[in-house]
Amino acid sequence: MRQKRAKAYRKQMNVYKMTFKFKPPIQVLVDSDAILEAQKLSLTSIKESPWTVQMETKLFITQCCINHLYNSGNQEAIDIAKTMEKEDVIMMKRKLQTIAFHL
């Protein structure tokens, strides 16, 4: 990663940490379309997210997105999704409501 871009990412993450009280590990909800696009373009951005945000990240995917990947038949994208933690949609909504309540 270029030095100037890395510095900009670091500054932006510091703003998020101060404003929204982000703390490691950063939890990222990944969509099936993002995985398919990254795989189609041979990008490793999904796997390299810790280097991009320069913090430890935890990648999540919902069961409906995994089902969408199975329907697409793209085995490489399915393998990428299997490395992520599964998150229930109901639990994710509760977490978001809790965060919104505290803001």
C-alpha atoms as a PDB file:
ATOM      1  CA  MET A   1       0.000   0.000   0.000  1.00  0.00           C
ATOM      2  CA  ARG A   2       1.334   3.415  -0.857  1.00  0.00           C
ATOM      3  CA  GLN A   3       2.558   5.518   2.036  1.00  0.00           C
ATOM      4  CA  LYS A   4       0.260   8.481   1.361  1.00  0.00           C
ATOM      5  CA  ARG A   5      -2.827   6.273   1.066  1.00  0.00           C
ATOM      6  CA  ALA A   6      -1.874   4.345   4.209  1.00  0.00           C
ATOM      7  CA  LYS A   7      -1.540   7.603   6.119  1.00  0.00           C
ATOM      8  CA  ALA A   8      -4.986   8.736   4.925  1.00  0.00           C
ATOM      9  CA  TYR A   9      -6.533   5.409   6.014  1.00  0.00           C
ATOM     10  CA  ARG A  10      -4.837   5.663   9.410  1.00  0.00           C
ATOM     11  CA  LYS A  11      -6.156   9.203   9.919  1.00  0.00           C
ATOM     12  CA  GLN A  12      -9.689   8.181   8.932  1.00  0.00           C
ATOM     13  CA  MET A  13      -9.652   5.214  11.308  1.00  0.00           C
ATOM     14  CA  ASN A  14      -8.500   7.517  14.118  1.00  0.00           C
ATOM     15  CA  VAL A  15     -11.486   9.770  13.397  1.00  0.00           C
ATOM     16  CA  TYR A  16     -13.800   6.739  13.606  1.00  0.00           C
ATOM     17  CA  LYS A  17     -12.162   5.621  16.844  1.00  0.00           C
ATOM     18  CA  MET A  18     -12.626   9.026  18.453  1.00  0.00           C
ATOM     19  CA  THR A  19     -16.109   9.784  17.086  1.00  0.00           C
ATOM     20  CA  PHE A  20     -17.836   6.400  17.138  1.00  0.00           C
ATOM     21  CA  LYS A  21     -15.681   4.680  19.792  1.00  0.00           C
ATOM     22  CA  PHE A  22     -14.415   1.994  17.415  1.00  0.00           C
ATOM     23  CA  LYS A  23     -12.071  -0.499  19.015  1.00  0.00           C
ATOM     24  CA  PRO A  24     -10.280  -3.551  17.677  1.00  0.00           C
ATOM     25  CA  PRO A  25     -11.367  -5.946  16.314  1.00  0.00           C
ATOM     26  CA  ILE A  26     -13.412  -3.970  13.792  1.00  0.00           C
ATOM     27  CA  GLN A  27     -16.456  -6.015  12.770  1.00  0.00           C
ATOM     28  CA  VAL A  28     -17.180  -5.897   9.044  1.00  0.00           C
ATOM     29  CA  LEU A  29     -20.378  -7.289   7.544  1.00  0.00           C
ATOM     30  CA  VAL A  30     -19.565  -8.504   4.032  1.00  0.00           C
ATOM     31  CA  ASP A  31     -22.221  -8.872   1.344  1.00  0.00           C
ATOM     32  CA  SER A  32     -22.291 -11.698  -1.200  1.00  0.00           C
ATOM     33  CA  ASP A  33     -22.063  -9.173  -4.050  1.00  0.00           C
ATOM     34  CA  ALA A  34     -18.823  -7.784  -2.605  1.00  0.00           C
ATOM     35  CA  ILE A  35     -17.337 -11.283  -2.479  1.00  0.00           C
ATOM     36  CA  LEU A  36     -18.435 -12.078  -6.039  1.00  0.00           C
ATOM     37  CA  GLU A  37     -17.030  -8.799  -7.403  1.00  0.00           C
ATOM     38  CA  ALA A  38     -13.740  -9.220  -5.553  1.00  0.00           C
ATOM     39  CA  GLN A  39     -13.419 -12.784  -6.806  1.00  0.00           C
ATOM     40  CA  LYS A  40     -14.365 -11.830 -10.383  1.00  0.00           C
ATOM     41  CA  LEU A  41     -11.756  -9.057 -10.479  1.00  0.00           C
ATOM     42  CA  SER A  42      -9.155 -11.258  -8.729  1.00  0.00           C
ATOM     43  CA  LEU A  43      -8.974  -8.833  -5.831  1.00  0.00           C
ATOM     44  CA  THR A  44      -7.813  -9.948  -2.435  1.00  0.00           C
ATOM     45  CA  SER A  45      -9.358  -6.940  -0.710  1.00  0.00           C
ATOM     46  CA  ILE A  46     -11.663  -9.087   1.404  1.00  0.00           C
ATOM     47  CA  LYS A  47      -8.757 -11.037   2.875  1.00  0.00           C
ATOM     48  CA  GLU A  48      -6.541  -7.969   3.186  1.00  0.00           C
ATOM     49  CA  SER A  49      -8.983  -5.813   5.128  1.00  0.00           C
ATOM     50  CA  PRO A  50      -6.725  -5.712   8.235  1.00  0.00           C
ATOM     51  CA  TRP A  51      -3.988  -4.077   6.156  1.00  0.00           C
ATOM     52  CA  THR A  52      -6.412  -1.579   4.678  1.00  0.00           C
ATOM     53  CA  VAL A  53      -7.871  -0.328   7.939  1.00  0.00           C
ATOM     54  CA  GLN A  54      -4.597  -1.031   9.785  1.00  0.00           C
ATOM     55  CA  MET A  55      -6.467  -2.684  12.638  1.00  0.00           C
ATOM     56  CA  GLU A  56      -7.578  -6.190  13.444  1.00  0.00           C
ATOM     57  CA  THR A  57     -10.826  -6.996  11.646  1.00  0.00           C
ATOM     58  CA  LYS A  58     -13.473  -9.650  12.072  1.00  0.00           C
ATOM     59  CA  LEU A  59     -15.362 -10.503   8.885  1.00  0.00           C
ATOM     60  CA  PHE A  60     -19.009 -11.558   9.118  1.00  0.00           C
ATOM     61  CA  ILE A  61     -21.450 -12.873   6.554  1.00  0.00           C
ATOM     62  CA  THR A  62     -25.145 -13.655   6.923  1.00  0.00           C
ATOM     63  CA  GLN A  63     -26.721 -16.985   6.077  1.00  0.00           C
ATOM     64  CA  CYS A  64     -28.840 -15.460   3.298  1.00  0.00           C
ATOM     65  CA  CYS A  65     -25.654 -14.164   1.620  1.00  0.00           C
ATOM     66  CA  ILE A  66     -24.111 -17.629   1.869  1.00  0.00           C
ATOM     67  CA  ASN A  67     -27.249 -19.079   0.241  1.00  0.00           C
ATOM     68  CA  HIS A  68     -26.923 -16.490  -2.538  1.00  0.00           C
ATOM     69  CA  LEU A  69     -23.327 -17.624  -3.124  1.00  0.00           C
ATOM     70  CA  TYR A  70     -24.400 -21.282  -3.264  1.00  0.00           C
ATOM     71  CA  ASN A  71     -27.041 -20.364  -5.856  1.00  0.00           C
ATOM     72  CA  SER A  72     -24.401 -18.588  -7.948  1.00  0.00           C
ATOM     73  CA  GLY A  73     -22.336 -21.786  -8.095  1.00  0.00           C
ATOM     74  CA  ASN A  74     -19.019 -19.947  -7.728  1.00  0.00           C
ATOM     75  CA  GLN A  75     -16.897 -22.318  -5.621  1.00  0.00           C
ATOM     76  CA  GLU A  76     -14.049 -19.858  -4.994  1.00  0.00           C
ATOM     77  CA  ALA A  77     -16.473 -17.280  -3.616  1.00  0.00           C
ATOM     78  CA  ILE A  78     -18.074 -19.948  -1.429  1.00  0.00           C
ATOM     79  CA  ASP A  79     -14.655 -20.891  -0.038  1.00  0.00           C
ATOM     80  CA  ILE A  80     -13.949 -17.247   0.811  1.00  0.00           C
ATOM     81  CA  ALA A  81     -17.310 -17.009   2.581  1.00  0.00           C
ATOM     82  CA  LYS A  82     -16.601 -20.163   4.586  1.00  0.00           C
ATOM     83  CA  THR A  83     -13.578 -18.489   6.172  1.00  0.00           C
ATOM     84  CA  MET A  84     -15.807 -15.757   7.628  1.00  0.00           C
ATOM     85  CA  GLU A  85     -17.903 -15.988  10.742  1.00  0.00           C
ATOM     86  CA  LYS A  86     -21.627 -16.446  10.265  1.00  0.00           C
ATOM     87  CA  GLU A  87     -23.881 -13.827  11.773  1.00  0.00           C
ATOM     88  CA  ASP A  88     -27.591 -14.173  12.313  1.00  0.00           C
ATOM     89  CA  VAL A  89     -29.598 -11.305  10.825  1.00  0.00           C
ATOM     90  CA  ILE A  90     -31.693 -10.940  13.981  1.00  0.00           C
ATOM     91  CA  MET A  91     -28.593 -10.685  16.179  1.00  0.00           C
ATOM     92  CA  MET A  92     -27.094  -8.107  13.805  1.00  0.00           C
ATOM     93  CA  LYS A  93     -30.266  -5.991  14.003  1.00  0.00           C
ATOM     94  CA  ARG A  94     -30.137  -6.124  17.801  1.00  0.00           C
ATOM     95  CA  LYS A  95     -26.510  -4.999  17.804  1.00  0.00           C
ATOM     96  CA  LEU A  96     -27.311  -2.111  15.473  1.00  0.00           C
ATOM     97  CA  GLN A  97     -30.266  -1.065  17.626  1.00  0.00           C
ATOM     98  CA  THR A  98     -28.040  -1.127  20.707  1.00  0.00           C
ATOM     99  CA  ILE A  99     -25.436   1.027  18.979  1.00  0.00           C
ATOM    100  CA  ALA A 100     -28.090   3.481  17.753  1.00  0.00           C
ATOM    101  CA  PHE A 101     -29.543   3.683  21.264  1.00  0.00           C
ATOM    102  CA  HIS A 102     -26.159   4.647  22.729  1.00  0.00           C
ATOM    103  CA  LEU A 103     -25.565   7.372  20.133  1.00  0.00           C
END
